[in-house]
């Protein structure tokens, strides 16, 4: 796993598996500027991109409007991935309400302070 933070653009990128970066992928925009990329074949998370990271990290809840726009079959397919230890280390999402939050990890807090 690799984290990178662009303080000028306030963009956090989490690369879950560098080996999958060239694999065919599908991107899910869970909300504006909040994108989860998965490998098409294995449905393993490749990358999570969070635009406006600092602003979103300060919110107690975030509305994942893109989640609610997905068809029920897609949400059902994505839920185990969102609940996986890799992804849930960065975000929590209530599948019923479509609201969630960024998790508060010391590593991420250090990134925001360094910006």
PDB file of N, CA and C in Angstrom:
ATOM      1  N   UNK A   1       0.840  -1.169   0.000  1.00  0.00           N
ATOM      2  CA  UNK A   1       0.000   0.000   0.000  1.00  0.00           C
ATOM      3  C   UNK A   1       0.893   1.242   0.000  1.00  0.00           C
ATOM      4  N   UNK A   2       0.456   2.231  -0.781  1.00  0.00           N
ATOM      5  CA  UNK A   2       1.208   3.474  -0.857  1.00  0.00           C
ATOM      6  C   UNK A   2       0.230   4.636  -0.789  1.00  0.00           C
ATOM      7  N   UNK A   3       0.573   5.626   0.047  1.00  0.00           N
ATOM      8  CA  UNK A   3      -0.223   6.841   0.167  1.00  0.00           C
ATOM      9  C   UNK A   3       0.534   7.993  -0.457  1.00  0.00           C
ATOM     10  N   UNK A   4      -0.199   8.855  -1.147  1.00  0.00           N
ATOM     11  CA  UNK A   4       0.409  10.098  -1.615  1.00  0.00           C
ATOM     12  C   UNK A   4      -0.620  11.200  -1.421  1.00  0.00           C
ATOM     13  N   UNK A   5      -0.119  12.356  -1.018  1.00  0.00           N
ATOM     14  CA  UNK A   5      -0.996  13.490  -0.768  1.00  0.00           C
ATOM     15  C   UNK A   5      -0.445  14.702  -1.497  1.00  0.00           C
ATOM     16  N   UNK A   6      -1.285  15.328  -2.315  1.00  0.00           N
ATOM     17  CA  UNK A   6      -0.942  16.556  -3.024  1.00  0.00           C
ATOM     18  C   UNK A   6      -1.589  17.708  -2.261  1.00  0.00           C
ATOM     19  N   UNK A   7      -0.785  18.457  -1.512  1.00  0.00           N
ATOM     20  CA  UNK A   7      -1.322  19.527  -0.675  1.00  0.00           C
ATOM     21  C   UNK A   7      -1.875  20.680  -1.505  1.00  0.00           C
ATOM     22  N   UNK A   8      -1.293  20.933  -2.650  1.00  0.00           N
ATOM     23  CA  UNK A   8      -1.779  22.029  -3.494  1.00  0.00           C
ATOM     24  C   UNK A   8      -3.190  21.746  -4.004  1.00  0.00           C
ATOM     25  N   UNK A   9      -3.432  20.532  -4.445  1.00  0.00           N
ATOM     26  CA  UNK A   9      -4.755  20.151  -4.935  1.00  0.00           C
ATOM     27  C   UNK A   9      -5.641  19.539  -3.874  1.00  0.00           C
ATOM     28  N   UNK A  10      -5.075  19.279  -2.678  1.00  0.00           N
ATOM     29  CA  UNK A  10      -5.777  18.616  -1.580  1.00  0.00           C
ATOM     30  C   UNK A  10      -6.364  17.276  -2.032  1.00  0.00           C
ATOM     31  N   UNK A  11      -5.489  16.449  -2.620  1.00  0.00           N
ATOM     32  CA  UNK A  11      -5.902  15.148  -3.148  1.00  0.00           C
ATOM     33  C   UNK A  11      -5.100  14.048  -2.463  1.00  0.00           C
ATOM     34  N   UNK A  12      -5.818  13.107  -1.891  1.00  0.00           N
ATOM     35  CA  UNK A  12      -5.202  11.922  -1.301  1.00  0.00           C
ATOM     36  C   UNK A  12      -5.395  10.759  -2.259  1.00  0.00           C
ATOM     37  N   UNK A  13      -4.313  10.062  -2.566  1.00  0.00           N
ATOM     38  CA  UNK A  13      -4.368   8.841  -3.362  1.00  0.00           C
ATOM     39  C   UNK A  13      -3.849   7.694  -2.522  1.00  0.00           C
ATOM     40  N   UNK A  14      -4.613   6.644  -2.479  1.00  0.00           N
ATOM     41  CA  UNK A  14      -4.218   5.421  -1.790  1.00  0.00           C
ATOM     42  C   UNK A  14      -4.102   4.338  -2.854  1.00  0.00           C
ATOM     43  N   UNK A  15      -2.913   3.823  -3.029  1.00  0.00           N
ATOM     44  CA  UNK A  15      -2.696   2.709  -3.952  1.00  0.00           C
ATOM     45  C   UNK A  15      -2.672   1.448  -3.100  1.00  0.00           C
ATOM     46  N   UNK A  16      -3.668   0.606  -3.279  1.00  0.00           N
ATOM     47  CA  UNK A  16      -3.770  -0.606  -2.467  1.00  0.00           C
ATOM     48  C   UNK A  16      -2.805  -1.689  -2.927  1.00  0.00           C
ATOM     49  N   UNK A  17      -2.694  -1.864  -4.236  1.00  0.00           N
ATOM     50  CA  UNK A  17      -1.830  -2.922  -4.760  1.00  0.00           C
ATOM     51  C   UNK A  17      -1.171  -2.427  -6.040  1.00  0.00           C
ATOM     52  N   UNK A  18       0.097  -2.095  -5.928  1.00  0.00           N
ATOM     53  CA  UNK A  18       0.853  -1.552  -7.053  1.00  0.00           C
ATOM     54  C   UNK A  18       0.861  -2.515  -8.241  1.00  0.00           C
ATOM     55  N   UNK A  19       0.822  -3.809  -7.970  1.00  0.00           N
ATOM     56  CA  UNK A  19       0.865  -4.809  -9.048  1.00  0.00           C
ATOM     57  C   UNK A  19      -0.371  -4.760  -9.935  1.00  0.00           C
ATOM     58  N   UNK A  20      -1.476  -4.242  -9.414  1.00  0.00           N
ATOM     59  CA  UNK A  20      -2.718  -4.198 -10.184  1.00  0.00           C
ATOM     60  C   UNK A  20      -2.909  -2.894 -10.967  1.00  0.00           C
ATOM     61  N   UNK A  21      -1.977  -1.964 -10.867  1.00  0.00           N
ATOM     62  CA  UNK A  21      -2.137  -0.647 -11.501  1.00  0.00           C
ATOM     63  C   UNK A  21      -2.364  -0.733 -13.010  1.00  0.00           C
ATOM     64  N   UNK A  22      -1.804  -1.733 -13.662  1.00  0.00           N
ATOM     65  CA  UNK A  22      -1.959  -1.871 -15.121  1.00  0.00           C
ATOM     66  C   UNK A  22      -3.118  -2.790 -15.502  1.00  0.00           C
ATOM     67  N   UNK A  23      -3.760  -3.379 -14.535  1.00  0.00           N
ATOM     68  CA  UNK A  23      -4.882  -4.284 -14.815  1.00  0.00           C
ATOM     69  C   UNK A  23      -6.080  -3.482 -15.330  1.00  0.00           C
ATOM     70  N   UNK A  24      -6.919  -4.104 -16.167  1.00  0.00           N
ATOM     71  CA  UNK A  24      -8.152  -3.422 -16.569  1.00  0.00           C
ATOM     72  C   UNK A  24      -8.959  -3.090 -15.314  1.00  0.00           C
ATOM     73  N   UNK A  25      -9.473  -1.852 -15.258  1.00  0.00           N
ATOM     74  CA  UNK A  25     -10.142  -1.438 -14.033  1.00  0.00           C
ATOM     75  C   UNK A  25     -11.487  -0.796 -14.311  1.00  0.00           C
ATOM     76  N   UNK A  26     -12.253  -0.752 -13.265  1.00  0.00           N
ATOM     77  CA  UNK A  26     -13.540  -0.070 -13.283  1.00  0.00           C
ATOM     78  C   UNK A  26     -13.513   0.934 -12.138  1.00  0.00           C
ATOM     79  N   UNK A  27     -14.021   2.120 -12.395  1.00  0.00           N
ATOM     80  CA  UNK A  27     -14.011   3.182 -11.386  1.00  0.00           C
ATOM     81  C   UNK A  27     -15.433   3.460 -10.922  1.00  0.00           C
ATOM     82  N   UNK A  28     -15.584   3.605  -9.621  1.00  0.00           N
ATOM     83  CA  UNK A  28     -16.868   3.953  -9.011  1.00  0.00           C
ATOM     84  C   UNK A  28     -16.718   5.293  -8.313  1.00  0.00           C
ATOM     85  N   UNK A  29     -17.482   6.275  -8.743  1.00  0.00           N
ATOM     86  CA  UNK A  29     -17.457   7.579  -8.099  1.00  0.00           C
ATOM     87  C   UNK A  29     -18.517   7.553  -6.996  1.00  0.00           C
ATOM     88  N   UNK A  30     -18.051   7.369  -5.774  1.00  0.00           N
ATOM     89  CA  UNK A  30     -18.961   7.249  -4.641  1.00  0.00           C
ATOM     90  C   UNK A  30     -19.588   8.589  -4.271  1.00  0.00           C
ATOM     91  N   UNK A  31     -18.924   9.668  -4.644  1.00  0.00           N
ATOM     92  CA  UNK A  31     -19.416  11.043  -4.556  1.00  0.00           C
ATOM     93  C   UNK A  31     -18.473  11.878  -5.402  1.00  0.00           C
ATOM     94  N   UNK A  32     -18.791  13.141  -5.633  1.00  0.00           N
ATOM     95  CA  UNK A  32     -17.896  13.990  -6.414  1.00  0.00           C
ATOM     96  C   UNK A  32     -16.497  13.951  -5.811  1.00  0.00           C
ATOM     97  N   UNK A  33     -15.517  13.562  -6.624  1.00  0.00           N
ATOM     98  CA  UNK A  33     -14.134  13.568  -6.184  1.00  0.00           C
ATOM     99  C   UNK A  33     -13.747  12.445  -5.240  1.00  0.00           C
ATOM    100  N   UNK A  34     -14.556  11.419  -5.131  1.00  0.00           N
ATOM    101  CA  UNK A  34     -14.276  10.291  -4.235  1.00  0.00           C
ATOM    102  C   UNK A  34     -14.419   9.024  -5.083  1.00  0.00           C
ATOM    103  N   UNK A  35     -13.284   8.529  -5.587  1.00  0.00           N
ATOM    104  CA  UNK A  35     -13.316   7.474  -6.595  1.00  0.00           C
ATOM    105  C   UNK A  35     -12.584   6.235  -6.106  1.00  0.00           C
ATOM    106  N   UNK A  36     -13.244   5.104  -6.253  1.00  0.00           N
ATOM    107  CA  UNK A  36     -12.665   3.811  -5.921  1.00  0.00           C
ATOM    108  C   UNK A  36     -12.492   3.026  -7.209  1.00  0.00           C
ATOM    109  N   UNK A  37     -11.244   2.627  -7.507  1.00  0.00           N
ATOM    110  CA  UNK A  37     -10.946   1.836  -8.702  1.00  0.00           C
ATOM    111  C   UNK A  37     -10.690   0.394  -8.297  1.00  0.00           C
ATOM    112  N   UNK A  38     -11.301  -0.511  -9.048  1.00  0.00           N
ATOM    113  CA  UNK A  38     -11.177  -1.941  -8.791  1.00  0.00           C
ATOM    114  C   UNK A  38     -10.680  -2.656 -10.032  1.00  0.00           C
ATOM    115  N   UNK A  39      -9.964  -3.749  -9.841  1.00  0.00           N
ATOM    116  CA  UNK A  39      -9.565  -4.603 -10.953  1.00  0.00           C
ATOM    117  C   UNK A  39     -10.805  -5.323 -11.463  1.00  0.00           C
ATOM    118  N   UNK A  40     -11.040  -5.272 -12.753  1.00  0.00           N
ATOM    119  CA  UNK A  40     -12.246  -5.862 -13.339  1.00  0.00           C
ATOM    120  C   UNK A  40     -12.321  -7.363 -13.071  1.00  0.00           C
ATOM    121  N   UNK A  41     -11.220  -8.065 -13.292  1.00  0.00           N
ATOM    122  CA  UNK A  41     -11.236  -9.525 -13.169  1.00  0.00           C
ATOM    123  C   UNK A  41     -11.418 -10.007 -11.740  1.00  0.00           C
ATOM    124  N   UNK A  42     -10.687  -9.417 -10.809  1.00  0.00           N
ATOM    125  CA  UNK A  42     -10.687  -9.917  -9.427  1.00  0.00           C
ATOM    126  C   UNK A  42     -11.567  -9.105  -8.485  1.00  0.00           C
ATOM    127  N   UNK A  43     -11.986  -7.905  -8.913  1.00  0.00           N
ATOM    128  CA  UNK A  43     -12.752  -6.982  -8.070  1.00  0.00           C
ATOM    129  C   UNK A  43     -11.969  -6.614  -6.805  1.00  0.00           C
ATOM    130  N   UNK A  44     -10.639  -6.602  -6.902  1.00  0.00           N
ATOM    131  CA  UNK A  44      -9.801  -6.167  -5.790  1.00  0.00           C
ATOM    132  C   UNK A  44      -9.576  -4.668  -5.912  1.00  0.00           C
ATOM    133  N   UNK A  45      -9.512  -3.978  -4.768  1.00  0.00           N
ATOM    134  CA  UNK A  45      -9.282  -2.530  -4.836  1.00  0.00           C
ATOM    135  C   UNK A  45      -7.873  -2.223  -5.336  1.00  0.00           C
ATOM    136  N   UNK A  46      -7.801  -1.274  -6.260  1.00  0.00           N
ATOM    137  CA  UNK A  46      -6.522  -0.822  -6.792  1.00  0.00           C
ATOM    138  C   UNK A  46      -6.163   0.531  -6.204  1.00  0.00           C
ATOM    139  N   UNK A  47      -7.115   1.457  -6.239  1.00  0.00           N
ATOM    140  CA  UNK A  47      -6.813   2.828  -5.828  1.00  0.00           C
ATOM    141  C   UNK A  47      -8.064   3.514  -5.285  1.00  0.00           C
ATOM    142  N   UNK A  48      -7.838   4.362  -4.309  1.00  0.00           N
ATOM    143  CA  UNK A  48      -8.871   5.246  -3.780  1.00  0.00           C
ATOM    144  C   UNK A  48      -8.342   6.666  -3.919  1.00  0.00           C
ATOM    145  N   UNK A  49      -9.119   7.532  -4.551  1.00  0.00           N
ATOM    146  CA  UNK A  49      -8.745   8.935  -4.715  1.00  0.00           C
ATOM    147  C   UNK A  49      -9.782   9.790  -4.006  1.00  0.00           C
ATOM    148  N   UNK A  50      -9.294  10.709  -3.167  1.00  0.00           N
ATOM    149  CA  UNK A  50     -10.181  11.612  -2.424  1.00  0.00           C
ATOM    150  C   UNK A  50      -9.747  13.049  -2.711  1.00  0.00           C
ATOM    151  N   UNK A  51     -10.583  13.761  -3.474  1.00  0.00           N
ATOM    152  CA  UNK A  51     -10.356  15.173  -3.765  1.00  0.00           C
ATOM    153  C   UNK A  51     -10.995  15.980  -2.643  1.00  0.00           C
ATOM    154  N   UNK A  52     -10.354  17.062  -2.242  1.00  0.00           N
ATOM    155  CA  UNK A  52     -10.795  17.873  -1.095  1.00  0.00           C
ATOM    156  C   UNK A  52     -10.698  17.061   0.194  1.00  0.00           C
ATOM    157  N   UNK A  53      -9.603  16.325   0.302  1.00  0.00           N
ATOM    158  CA  UNK A  53      -9.419  15.424   1.435  1.00  0.00           C
ATOM    159  C   UNK A  53      -9.531  16.136   2.792  1.00  0.00           C
ATOM    160  N   UNK A  54      -8.832  17.249   2.969  1.00  0.00           N
ATOM    161  CA  UNK A  54      -8.838  17.909   4.280  1.00  0.00           C
ATOM    162  C   UNK A  54     -10.246  18.365   4.677  1.00  0.00           C
ATOM    163  N   UNK A  55     -10.959  18.918   3.724  1.00  0.00           N
ATOM    164  CA  UNK A  55     -12.326  19.372   4.014  1.00  0.00           C
ATOM    165  C   UNK A  55     -13.217  18.193   4.402  1.00  0.00           C
ATOM    166  N   UNK A  56     -13.108  17.107   3.651  1.00  0.00           N
ATOM    167  CA  UNK A  56     -13.931  15.935   3.937  1.00  0.00           C
ATOM    168  C   UNK A  56     -13.525  15.255   5.238  1.00  0.00           C
ATOM    169  N   UNK A  57     -12.236  15.261   5.546  1.00  0.00           N
ATOM    170  CA  UNK A  57     -11.759  14.617   6.770  1.00  0.00           C
ATOM    171  C   UNK A  57     -12.282  15.326   8.016  1.00  0.00           C
ATOM    172  N   UNK A  58     -12.622  16.604   7.895  1.00  0.00           N
ATOM    173  CA  UNK A  58     -13.129  17.360   9.041  1.00  0.00           C
ATOM    174  C   UNK A  58     -14.632  17.175   9.247  1.00  0.00           C
ATOM    175  N   UNK A  59     -15.307  16.630   8.283  1.00  0.00           N
ATOM    176  CA  UNK A  59     -16.754  16.434   8.402  1.00  0.00           C
ATOM    177  C   UNK A  59     -17.055  15.186   9.233  1.00  0.00           C
ATOM    178  N   UNK A  60     -18.032  15.289  10.124  1.00  0.00           N
ATOM    179  CA  UNK A  60     -18.403  14.083  10.871  1.00  0.00           C
ATOM    180  C   UNK A  60     -19.115  13.054   9.991  1.00  0.00           C
ATOM    181  N   UNK A  61     -19.851  13.528   8.972  1.00  0.00           N
ATOM    182  CA  UNK A  61     -20.503  12.615   8.027  1.00  0.00           C
ATOM    183  C   UNK A  61     -20.367  13.166   6.615  1.00  0.00           C
ATOM    184  N   UNK A  62     -20.352  12.246   5.684  1.00  0.00           N
ATOM    185  CA  UNK A  62     -20.245  12.572   4.261  1.00  0.00           C
ATOM    186  C   UNK A  62     -21.369  11.840   3.547  1.00  0.00           C
ATOM    187  N   UNK A  63     -22.065  12.544   2.666  1.00  0.00           N
ATOM    188  CA  UNK A  63     -23.094  11.893   1.862  1.00  0.00           C
ATOM    189  C   UNK A  63     -22.451  11.330   0.599  1.00  0.00           C
ATOM    190  N   UNK A  64     -22.494  10.035   0.456  1.00  0.00           N
ATOM    191  CA  UNK A  64     -21.952   9.363  -0.719  1.00  0.00           C
ATOM    192  C   UNK A  64     -23.068   9.227  -1.753  1.00  0.00           C
ATOM    193  N   UNK A  65     -23.368  10.336  -2.414  1.00  0.00           N
ATOM    194  CA  UNK A  65     -24.492  10.400  -3.355  1.00  0.00           C
ATOM    195  C   UNK A  65     -24.312   9.432  -4.519  1.00  0.00           C
ATOM    196  N   UNK A  66     -23.080   9.185  -4.929  1.00  0.00           N
ATOM    197  CA  UNK A  66     -22.828   8.232  -6.009  1.00  0.00           C
ATOM    198  C   UNK A  66     -23.194   6.810  -5.629  1.00  0.00           C
ATOM    199  N   UNK A  67     -23.055   6.486  -4.369  1.00  0.00           N
ATOM    200  CA  UNK A  67     -23.432   5.152  -3.867  1.00  0.00           C
ATOM    201  C   UNK A  67     -24.919   4.921  -4.093  1.00  0.00           C
ATOM    202  N   UNK A  68     -25.717   5.920  -3.750  1.00  0.00           N
ATOM    203  CA  UNK A  68     -27.171   5.782  -3.878  1.00  0.00           C
ATOM    204  C   UNK A  68     -27.611   5.720  -5.337  1.00  0.00           C
ATOM    205  N   UNK A  69     -26.795   6.242  -6.258  1.00  0.00           N
ATOM    206  CA  UNK A  69     -27.148   6.222  -7.683  1.00  0.00           C
ATOM    207  C   UNK A  69     -26.855   4.877  -8.340  1.00  0.00           C
ATOM    208  N   UNK A  70     -26.028   4.052  -7.691  1.00  0.00           N
ATOM    209  CA  UNK A  70     -25.718   2.738  -8.252  1.00  0.00           C
ATOM    210  C   UNK A  70     -26.937   1.828  -8.177  1.00  0.00           C
ATOM    211  N   UNK A  71     -27.032   0.932  -9.123  1.00  0.00           N
ATOM    212  CA  UNK A  71     -28.105  -0.057  -9.087  1.00  0.00           C
ATOM    213  C   UNK A  71     -27.885  -0.986  -7.899  1.00  0.00           C
ATOM    214  N   UNK A  72     -28.951  -1.559  -7.413  1.00  0.00           N
ATOM    215  CA  UNK A  72     -28.896  -2.434  -6.230  1.00  0.00           C
ATOM    216  C   UNK A  72     -27.918  -3.580  -6.420  1.00  0.00           C
ATOM    217  N   UNK A  73     -27.845  -4.144  -7.617  1.00  0.00           N
ATOM    218  CA  UNK A  73     -26.920  -5.258  -7.857  1.00  0.00           C
ATOM    219  C   UNK A  73     -25.463  -4.801  -7.736  1.00  0.00           C
ATOM    220  N   UNK A  74     -25.169  -3.583  -8.205  1.00  0.00           N
ATOM    221  CA  UNK A  74     -23.816  -3.042  -8.087  1.00  0.00           C
ATOM    222  C   UNK A  74     -23.468  -2.763  -6.629  1.00  0.00           C
ATOM    223  N   UNK A  75     -24.409  -2.197  -5.884  1.00  0.00           N
ATOM    224  CA  UNK A  75     -24.160  -1.938  -4.460  1.00  0.00           C
ATOM    225  C   UNK A  75     -23.905  -3.241  -3.717  1.00  0.00           C
ATOM    226  N   UNK A  76     -24.670  -4.255  -4.043  1.00  0.00           N
ATOM    227  CA  UNK A  76     -24.489  -5.554  -3.387  1.00  0.00           C
ATOM    228  C   UNK A  76     -23.111  -6.136  -3.710  1.00  0.00           C
ATOM    229  N   UNK A  77     -22.663  -5.945  -4.931  1.00  0.00           N
ATOM    230  CA  UNK A  77     -21.355  -6.448  -5.350  1.00  0.00           C
ATOM    231  C   UNK A  77     -20.214  -5.655  -4.715  1.00  0.00           C
ATOM    232  N   UNK A  78     -20.417  -4.355  -4.504  1.00  0.00           N
ATOM    233  CA  UNK A  78     -19.379  -3.498  -3.938  1.00  0.00           C
ATOM    234  C   UNK A  78     -19.290  -3.553  -2.415  1.00  0.00           C
ATOM    235  N   UNK A  79     -20.363  -3.885  -1.753  1.00  0.00           N
ATOM    236  CA  UNK A  79     -20.385  -3.833  -0.292  1.00  0.00           C
ATOM    237  C   UNK A  79     -19.271  -4.645   0.369  1.00  0.00           C
ATOM    238  N   UNK A  80     -19.009  -5.892  -0.031  1.00  0.00           N
ATOM    239  CA  UNK A  80     -17.897  -6.621   0.605  1.00  0.00           C
ATOM    240  C   UNK A  80     -16.545  -5.938   0.392  1.00  0.00           C
ATOM    241  N   UNK A  81     -16.377  -5.270  -0.737  1.00  0.00           N
ATOM    242  CA  UNK A  81     -15.121  -4.570  -1.009  1.00  0.00           C
ATOM    243  C   UNK A  81     -14.992  -3.358  -0.098  1.00  0.00           C
ATOM    244  N   UNK A  82     -16.088  -2.610   0.065  1.00  0.00           N
ATOM    245  CA  UNK A  82     -16.067  -1.457   0.965  1.00  0.00           C
ATOM    246  C   UNK A  82     -15.830  -1.871   2.412  1.00  0.00           C
ATOM    247  N   UNK A  83     -16.296  -3.050   2.766  1.00  0.00           N
ATOM    248  CA  UNK A  83     -16.116  -3.557   4.127  1.00  0.00           C
ATOM    249  C   UNK A  83     -14.799  -4.298   4.321  1.00  0.00           C
ATOM    250  N   UNK A  84     -14.046  -4.477   3.242  1.00  0.00           N
ATOM    251  CA  UNK A  84     -12.757  -5.162   3.366  1.00  0.00           C
ATOM    252  C   UNK A  84     -11.823  -4.337   4.244  1.00  0.00           C
ATOM    253  N   UNK A  85     -10.854  -4.993   4.848  1.00  0.00           N
ATOM    254  CA  UNK A  85      -9.952  -4.280   5.758  1.00  0.00           C
ATOM    255  C   UNK A  85      -9.169  -3.187   5.043  1.00  0.00           C
ATOM    256  N   UNK A  86      -8.802  -3.406   3.789  1.00  0.00           N
ATOM    257  CA  UNK A  86      -8.028  -2.399   3.055  1.00  0.00           C
ATOM    258  C   UNK A  86      -8.832  -1.112   2.880  1.00  0.00           C
ATOM    259  N   UNK A  87     -10.043  -1.212   2.380  1.00  0.00           N
ATOM    260  CA  UNK A  87     -10.851  -0.017   2.093  1.00  0.00           C
ATOM    261  C   UNK A  87     -11.438   0.575   3.366  1.00  0.00           C
ATOM    262  N   UNK A  88     -11.906  -0.271   4.259  1.00  0.00           N
ATOM    263  CA  UNK A  88     -12.532   0.252   5.484  1.00  0.00           C
ATOM    264  C   UNK A  88     -11.534   0.920   6.418  1.00  0.00           C
ATOM    265  N   UNK A  89     -10.242   0.737   6.158  1.00  0.00           N
ATOM    266  CA  UNK A  89      -9.241   1.473   6.934  1.00  0.00           C
ATOM    267  C   UNK A  89      -9.274   2.958   6.593  1.00  0.00           C
ATOM    268  N   UNK A  90      -9.905   3.316   5.478  1.00  0.00           N
ATOM    269  CA  UNK A  90      -9.947   4.705   5.039  1.00  0.00           C
ATOM    270  C   UNK A  90     -11.347   5.308   5.048  1.00  0.00           C
ATOM    271  N   UNK A  91     -12.366   4.477   4.875  1.00  0.00           N
ATOM    272  CA  UNK A  91     -13.714   5.013   4.884  1.00  0.00           C
ATOM    273  C   UNK A  91     -14.705   3.998   5.424  1.00  0.00           C
ATOM    274  N   UNK A  92     -15.736   4.535   6.042  1.00  0.00           N
ATOM    275  CA  UNK A  92     -16.856   3.735   6.523  1.00  0.00           C
ATOM    276  C   UNK A  92     -18.093   4.275   5.838  1.00  0.00           C
ATOM    277  N   UNK A  93     -18.944   3.371   5.384  1.00  0.00           N
ATOM    278  CA  UNK A  93     -20.145   3.762   4.661  1.00  0.00           C
ATOM    279  C   UNK A  93     -21.315   2.923   5.140  1.00  0.00           C
ATOM    280  N   UNK A  94     -22.407   3.587   5.480  1.00  0.00           N
ATOM    281  CA  UNK A  94     -23.640   2.884   5.821  1.00  0.00           C
ATOM    282  C   UNK A  94     -24.391   2.640   4.514  1.00  0.00           C
ATOM    283  N   UNK A  95     -24.514   1.379   4.102  1.00  0.00           N
ATOM    284  CA  UNK A  95     -25.107   1.103   2.792  1.00  0.00           C
ATOM    285  C   UNK A  95     -26.581   1.504   2.694  1.00  0.00           C
ATOM    286  N   UNK A  96     -27.272   1.557   3.809  1.00  0.00           N
ATOM    287  CA  UNK A  96     -28.686   1.924   3.778  1.00  0.00           C
ATOM    288  C   UNK A  96     -28.897   3.412   3.565  1.00  0.00           C
ATOM    289  N   UNK A  97     -28.181   4.220   4.324  1.00  0.00           N
ATOM    290  CA  UNK A  97     -28.387   5.670   4.260  1.00  0.00           C
ATOM    291  C   UNK A  97     -27.542   6.350   3.190  1.00  0.00           C
ATOM    292  N   UNK A  98     -26.410   5.735   2.836  1.00  0.00           N
ATOM    293  CA  UNK A  98     -25.500   6.367   1.894  1.00  0.00           C
ATOM    294  C   UNK A  98     -24.590   7.396   2.546  1.00  0.00           C
ATOM    295  N   UNK A  99     -24.614   7.466   3.873  1.00  0.00           N
ATOM    296  CA  UNK A  99     -23.739   8.379   4.602  1.00  0.00           C
ATOM    297  C   UNK A  99     -22.599   7.588   5.228  1.00  0.00           C
ATOM    298  N   UNK A 100     -21.495   8.274   5.430  1.00  0.00           N
ATOM    299  CA  UNK A 100     -20.340   7.639   6.042  1.00  0.00           C
ATOM    300  C   UNK A 100     -19.344   8.692   6.464  1.00  0.00           C
ATOM    301  N   UNK A 101     -18.107   8.276   6.648  1.00  0.00           N
ATOM    302  CA  UNK A 101     -17.056   9.201   7.050  1.00  0.00           C
ATOM    303  C   UNK A 101     -15.687   8.616   6.710  1.00  0.00           C
ATOM    304  N   UNK A 102     -14.709   9.495   6.646  1.00  0.00           N
ATOM    305  CA  UNK A 102     -13.330   9.051   6.515  1.00  0.00           C
ATOM    306  C   UNK A 102     -12.871   8.596   7.888  1.00  0.00           C
ATOM    307  N   UNK A 103     -12.125   7.518   7.930  1.00  0.00           N
ATOM    308  CA  UNK A 103     -11.612   7.059   9.216  1.00  0.00           C
ATOM    309  C   UNK A 103     -10.461   7.948   9.640  1.00  0.00           C
ATOM    310  N   UNK A 104     -10.225   8.002  10.911  1.00  0.00           N
ATOM    311  CA  UNK A 104      -9.189   8.869  11.451  1.00  0.00           C
ATOM    312  C   UNK A 104      -7.965   8.031  11.780  1.00  0.00           C
ATOM    313  N   UNK A 105      -7.083   7.930  10.824  1.00  0.00           N
ATOM    314  CA  UNK A 105      -5.839   7.190  11.034  1.00  0.00           C
ATOM    315  C   UNK A 105      -4.712   8.173  11.311  1.00  0.00           C
ATOM    316  N   UNK A 106      -3.832   7.871  12.243  1.00  0.00           N
ATOM    317  CA  UNK A 106      -2.714   8.778  12.505  1.00  0.00           C
ATOM    318  C   UNK A 106      -1.906   9.122  11.250  1.00  0.00           C
ATOM    319  N   UNK A 107      -1.741   8.154  10.352  1.00  0.00           N
ATOM    320  CA  UNK A 107      -0.981   8.377   9.132  1.00  0.00           C
ATOM    321  C   UNK A 107      -1.651   9.450   8.273  1.00  0.00           C
ATOM    322  N   UNK A 108      -2.985   9.406   8.188  1.00  0.00           N
ATOM    323  CA  UNK A 108      -3.701  10.389   7.386  1.00  0.00           C
ATOM    324  C   UNK A 108      -3.681  11.750   8.062  1.00  0.00           C
ATOM    325  N   UNK A 109      -3.774  11.779   9.383  1.00  0.00           N
ATOM    326  CA  UNK A 109      -3.711  13.044  10.091  1.00  0.00           C
ATOM    327  C   UNK A 109      -2.352  13.701   9.891  1.00  0.00           C
ATOM    328  N   UNK A 110      -1.309  12.888   9.861  1.00  0.00           N
ATOM    329  CA  UNK A 110       0.031  13.413   9.616  1.00  0.00           C
ATOM    330  C   UNK A 110       0.109  14.019   8.224  1.00  0.00           C
ATOM    331  N   UNK A 111      -0.517  13.376   7.253  1.00  0.00           N
ATOM    332  CA  UNK A 111      -0.527  13.927   5.903  1.00  0.00           C
ATOM    333  C   UNK A 111      -1.213  15.287   5.879  1.00  0.00           C
ATOM    334  N   UNK A 112      -2.333  15.430   6.571  1.00  0.00           N
ATOM    335  CA  UNK A 112      -3.026  16.704   6.561  1.00  0.00           C
ATOM    336  C   UNK A 112      -2.258  17.783   7.280  1.00  0.00           C
ATOM    337  N   UNK A 113      -1.595  17.443   8.354  1.00  0.00           N
ATOM    338  CA  UNK A 113      -0.810  18.427   9.077  1.00  0.00           C
ATOM    339  C   UNK A 113       0.407  18.879   8.268  1.00  0.00           C
ATOM    340  N   UNK A 114       0.944  17.973   7.474  1.00  0.00           N
ATOM    341  CA  UNK A 114       2.121  18.295   6.691  1.00  0.00           C
ATOM    342  C   UNK A 114       1.781  19.216   5.520  1.00  0.00           C
ATOM    343  N   UNK A 115       0.518  19.288   5.174  1.00  0.00           N
ATOM    344  CA  UNK A 115       0.104  20.072   4.005  1.00  0.00           C
ATOM    345  C   UNK A 115       0.131  21.557   4.277  1.00  0.00           C
TER     346      UNK A 115
END
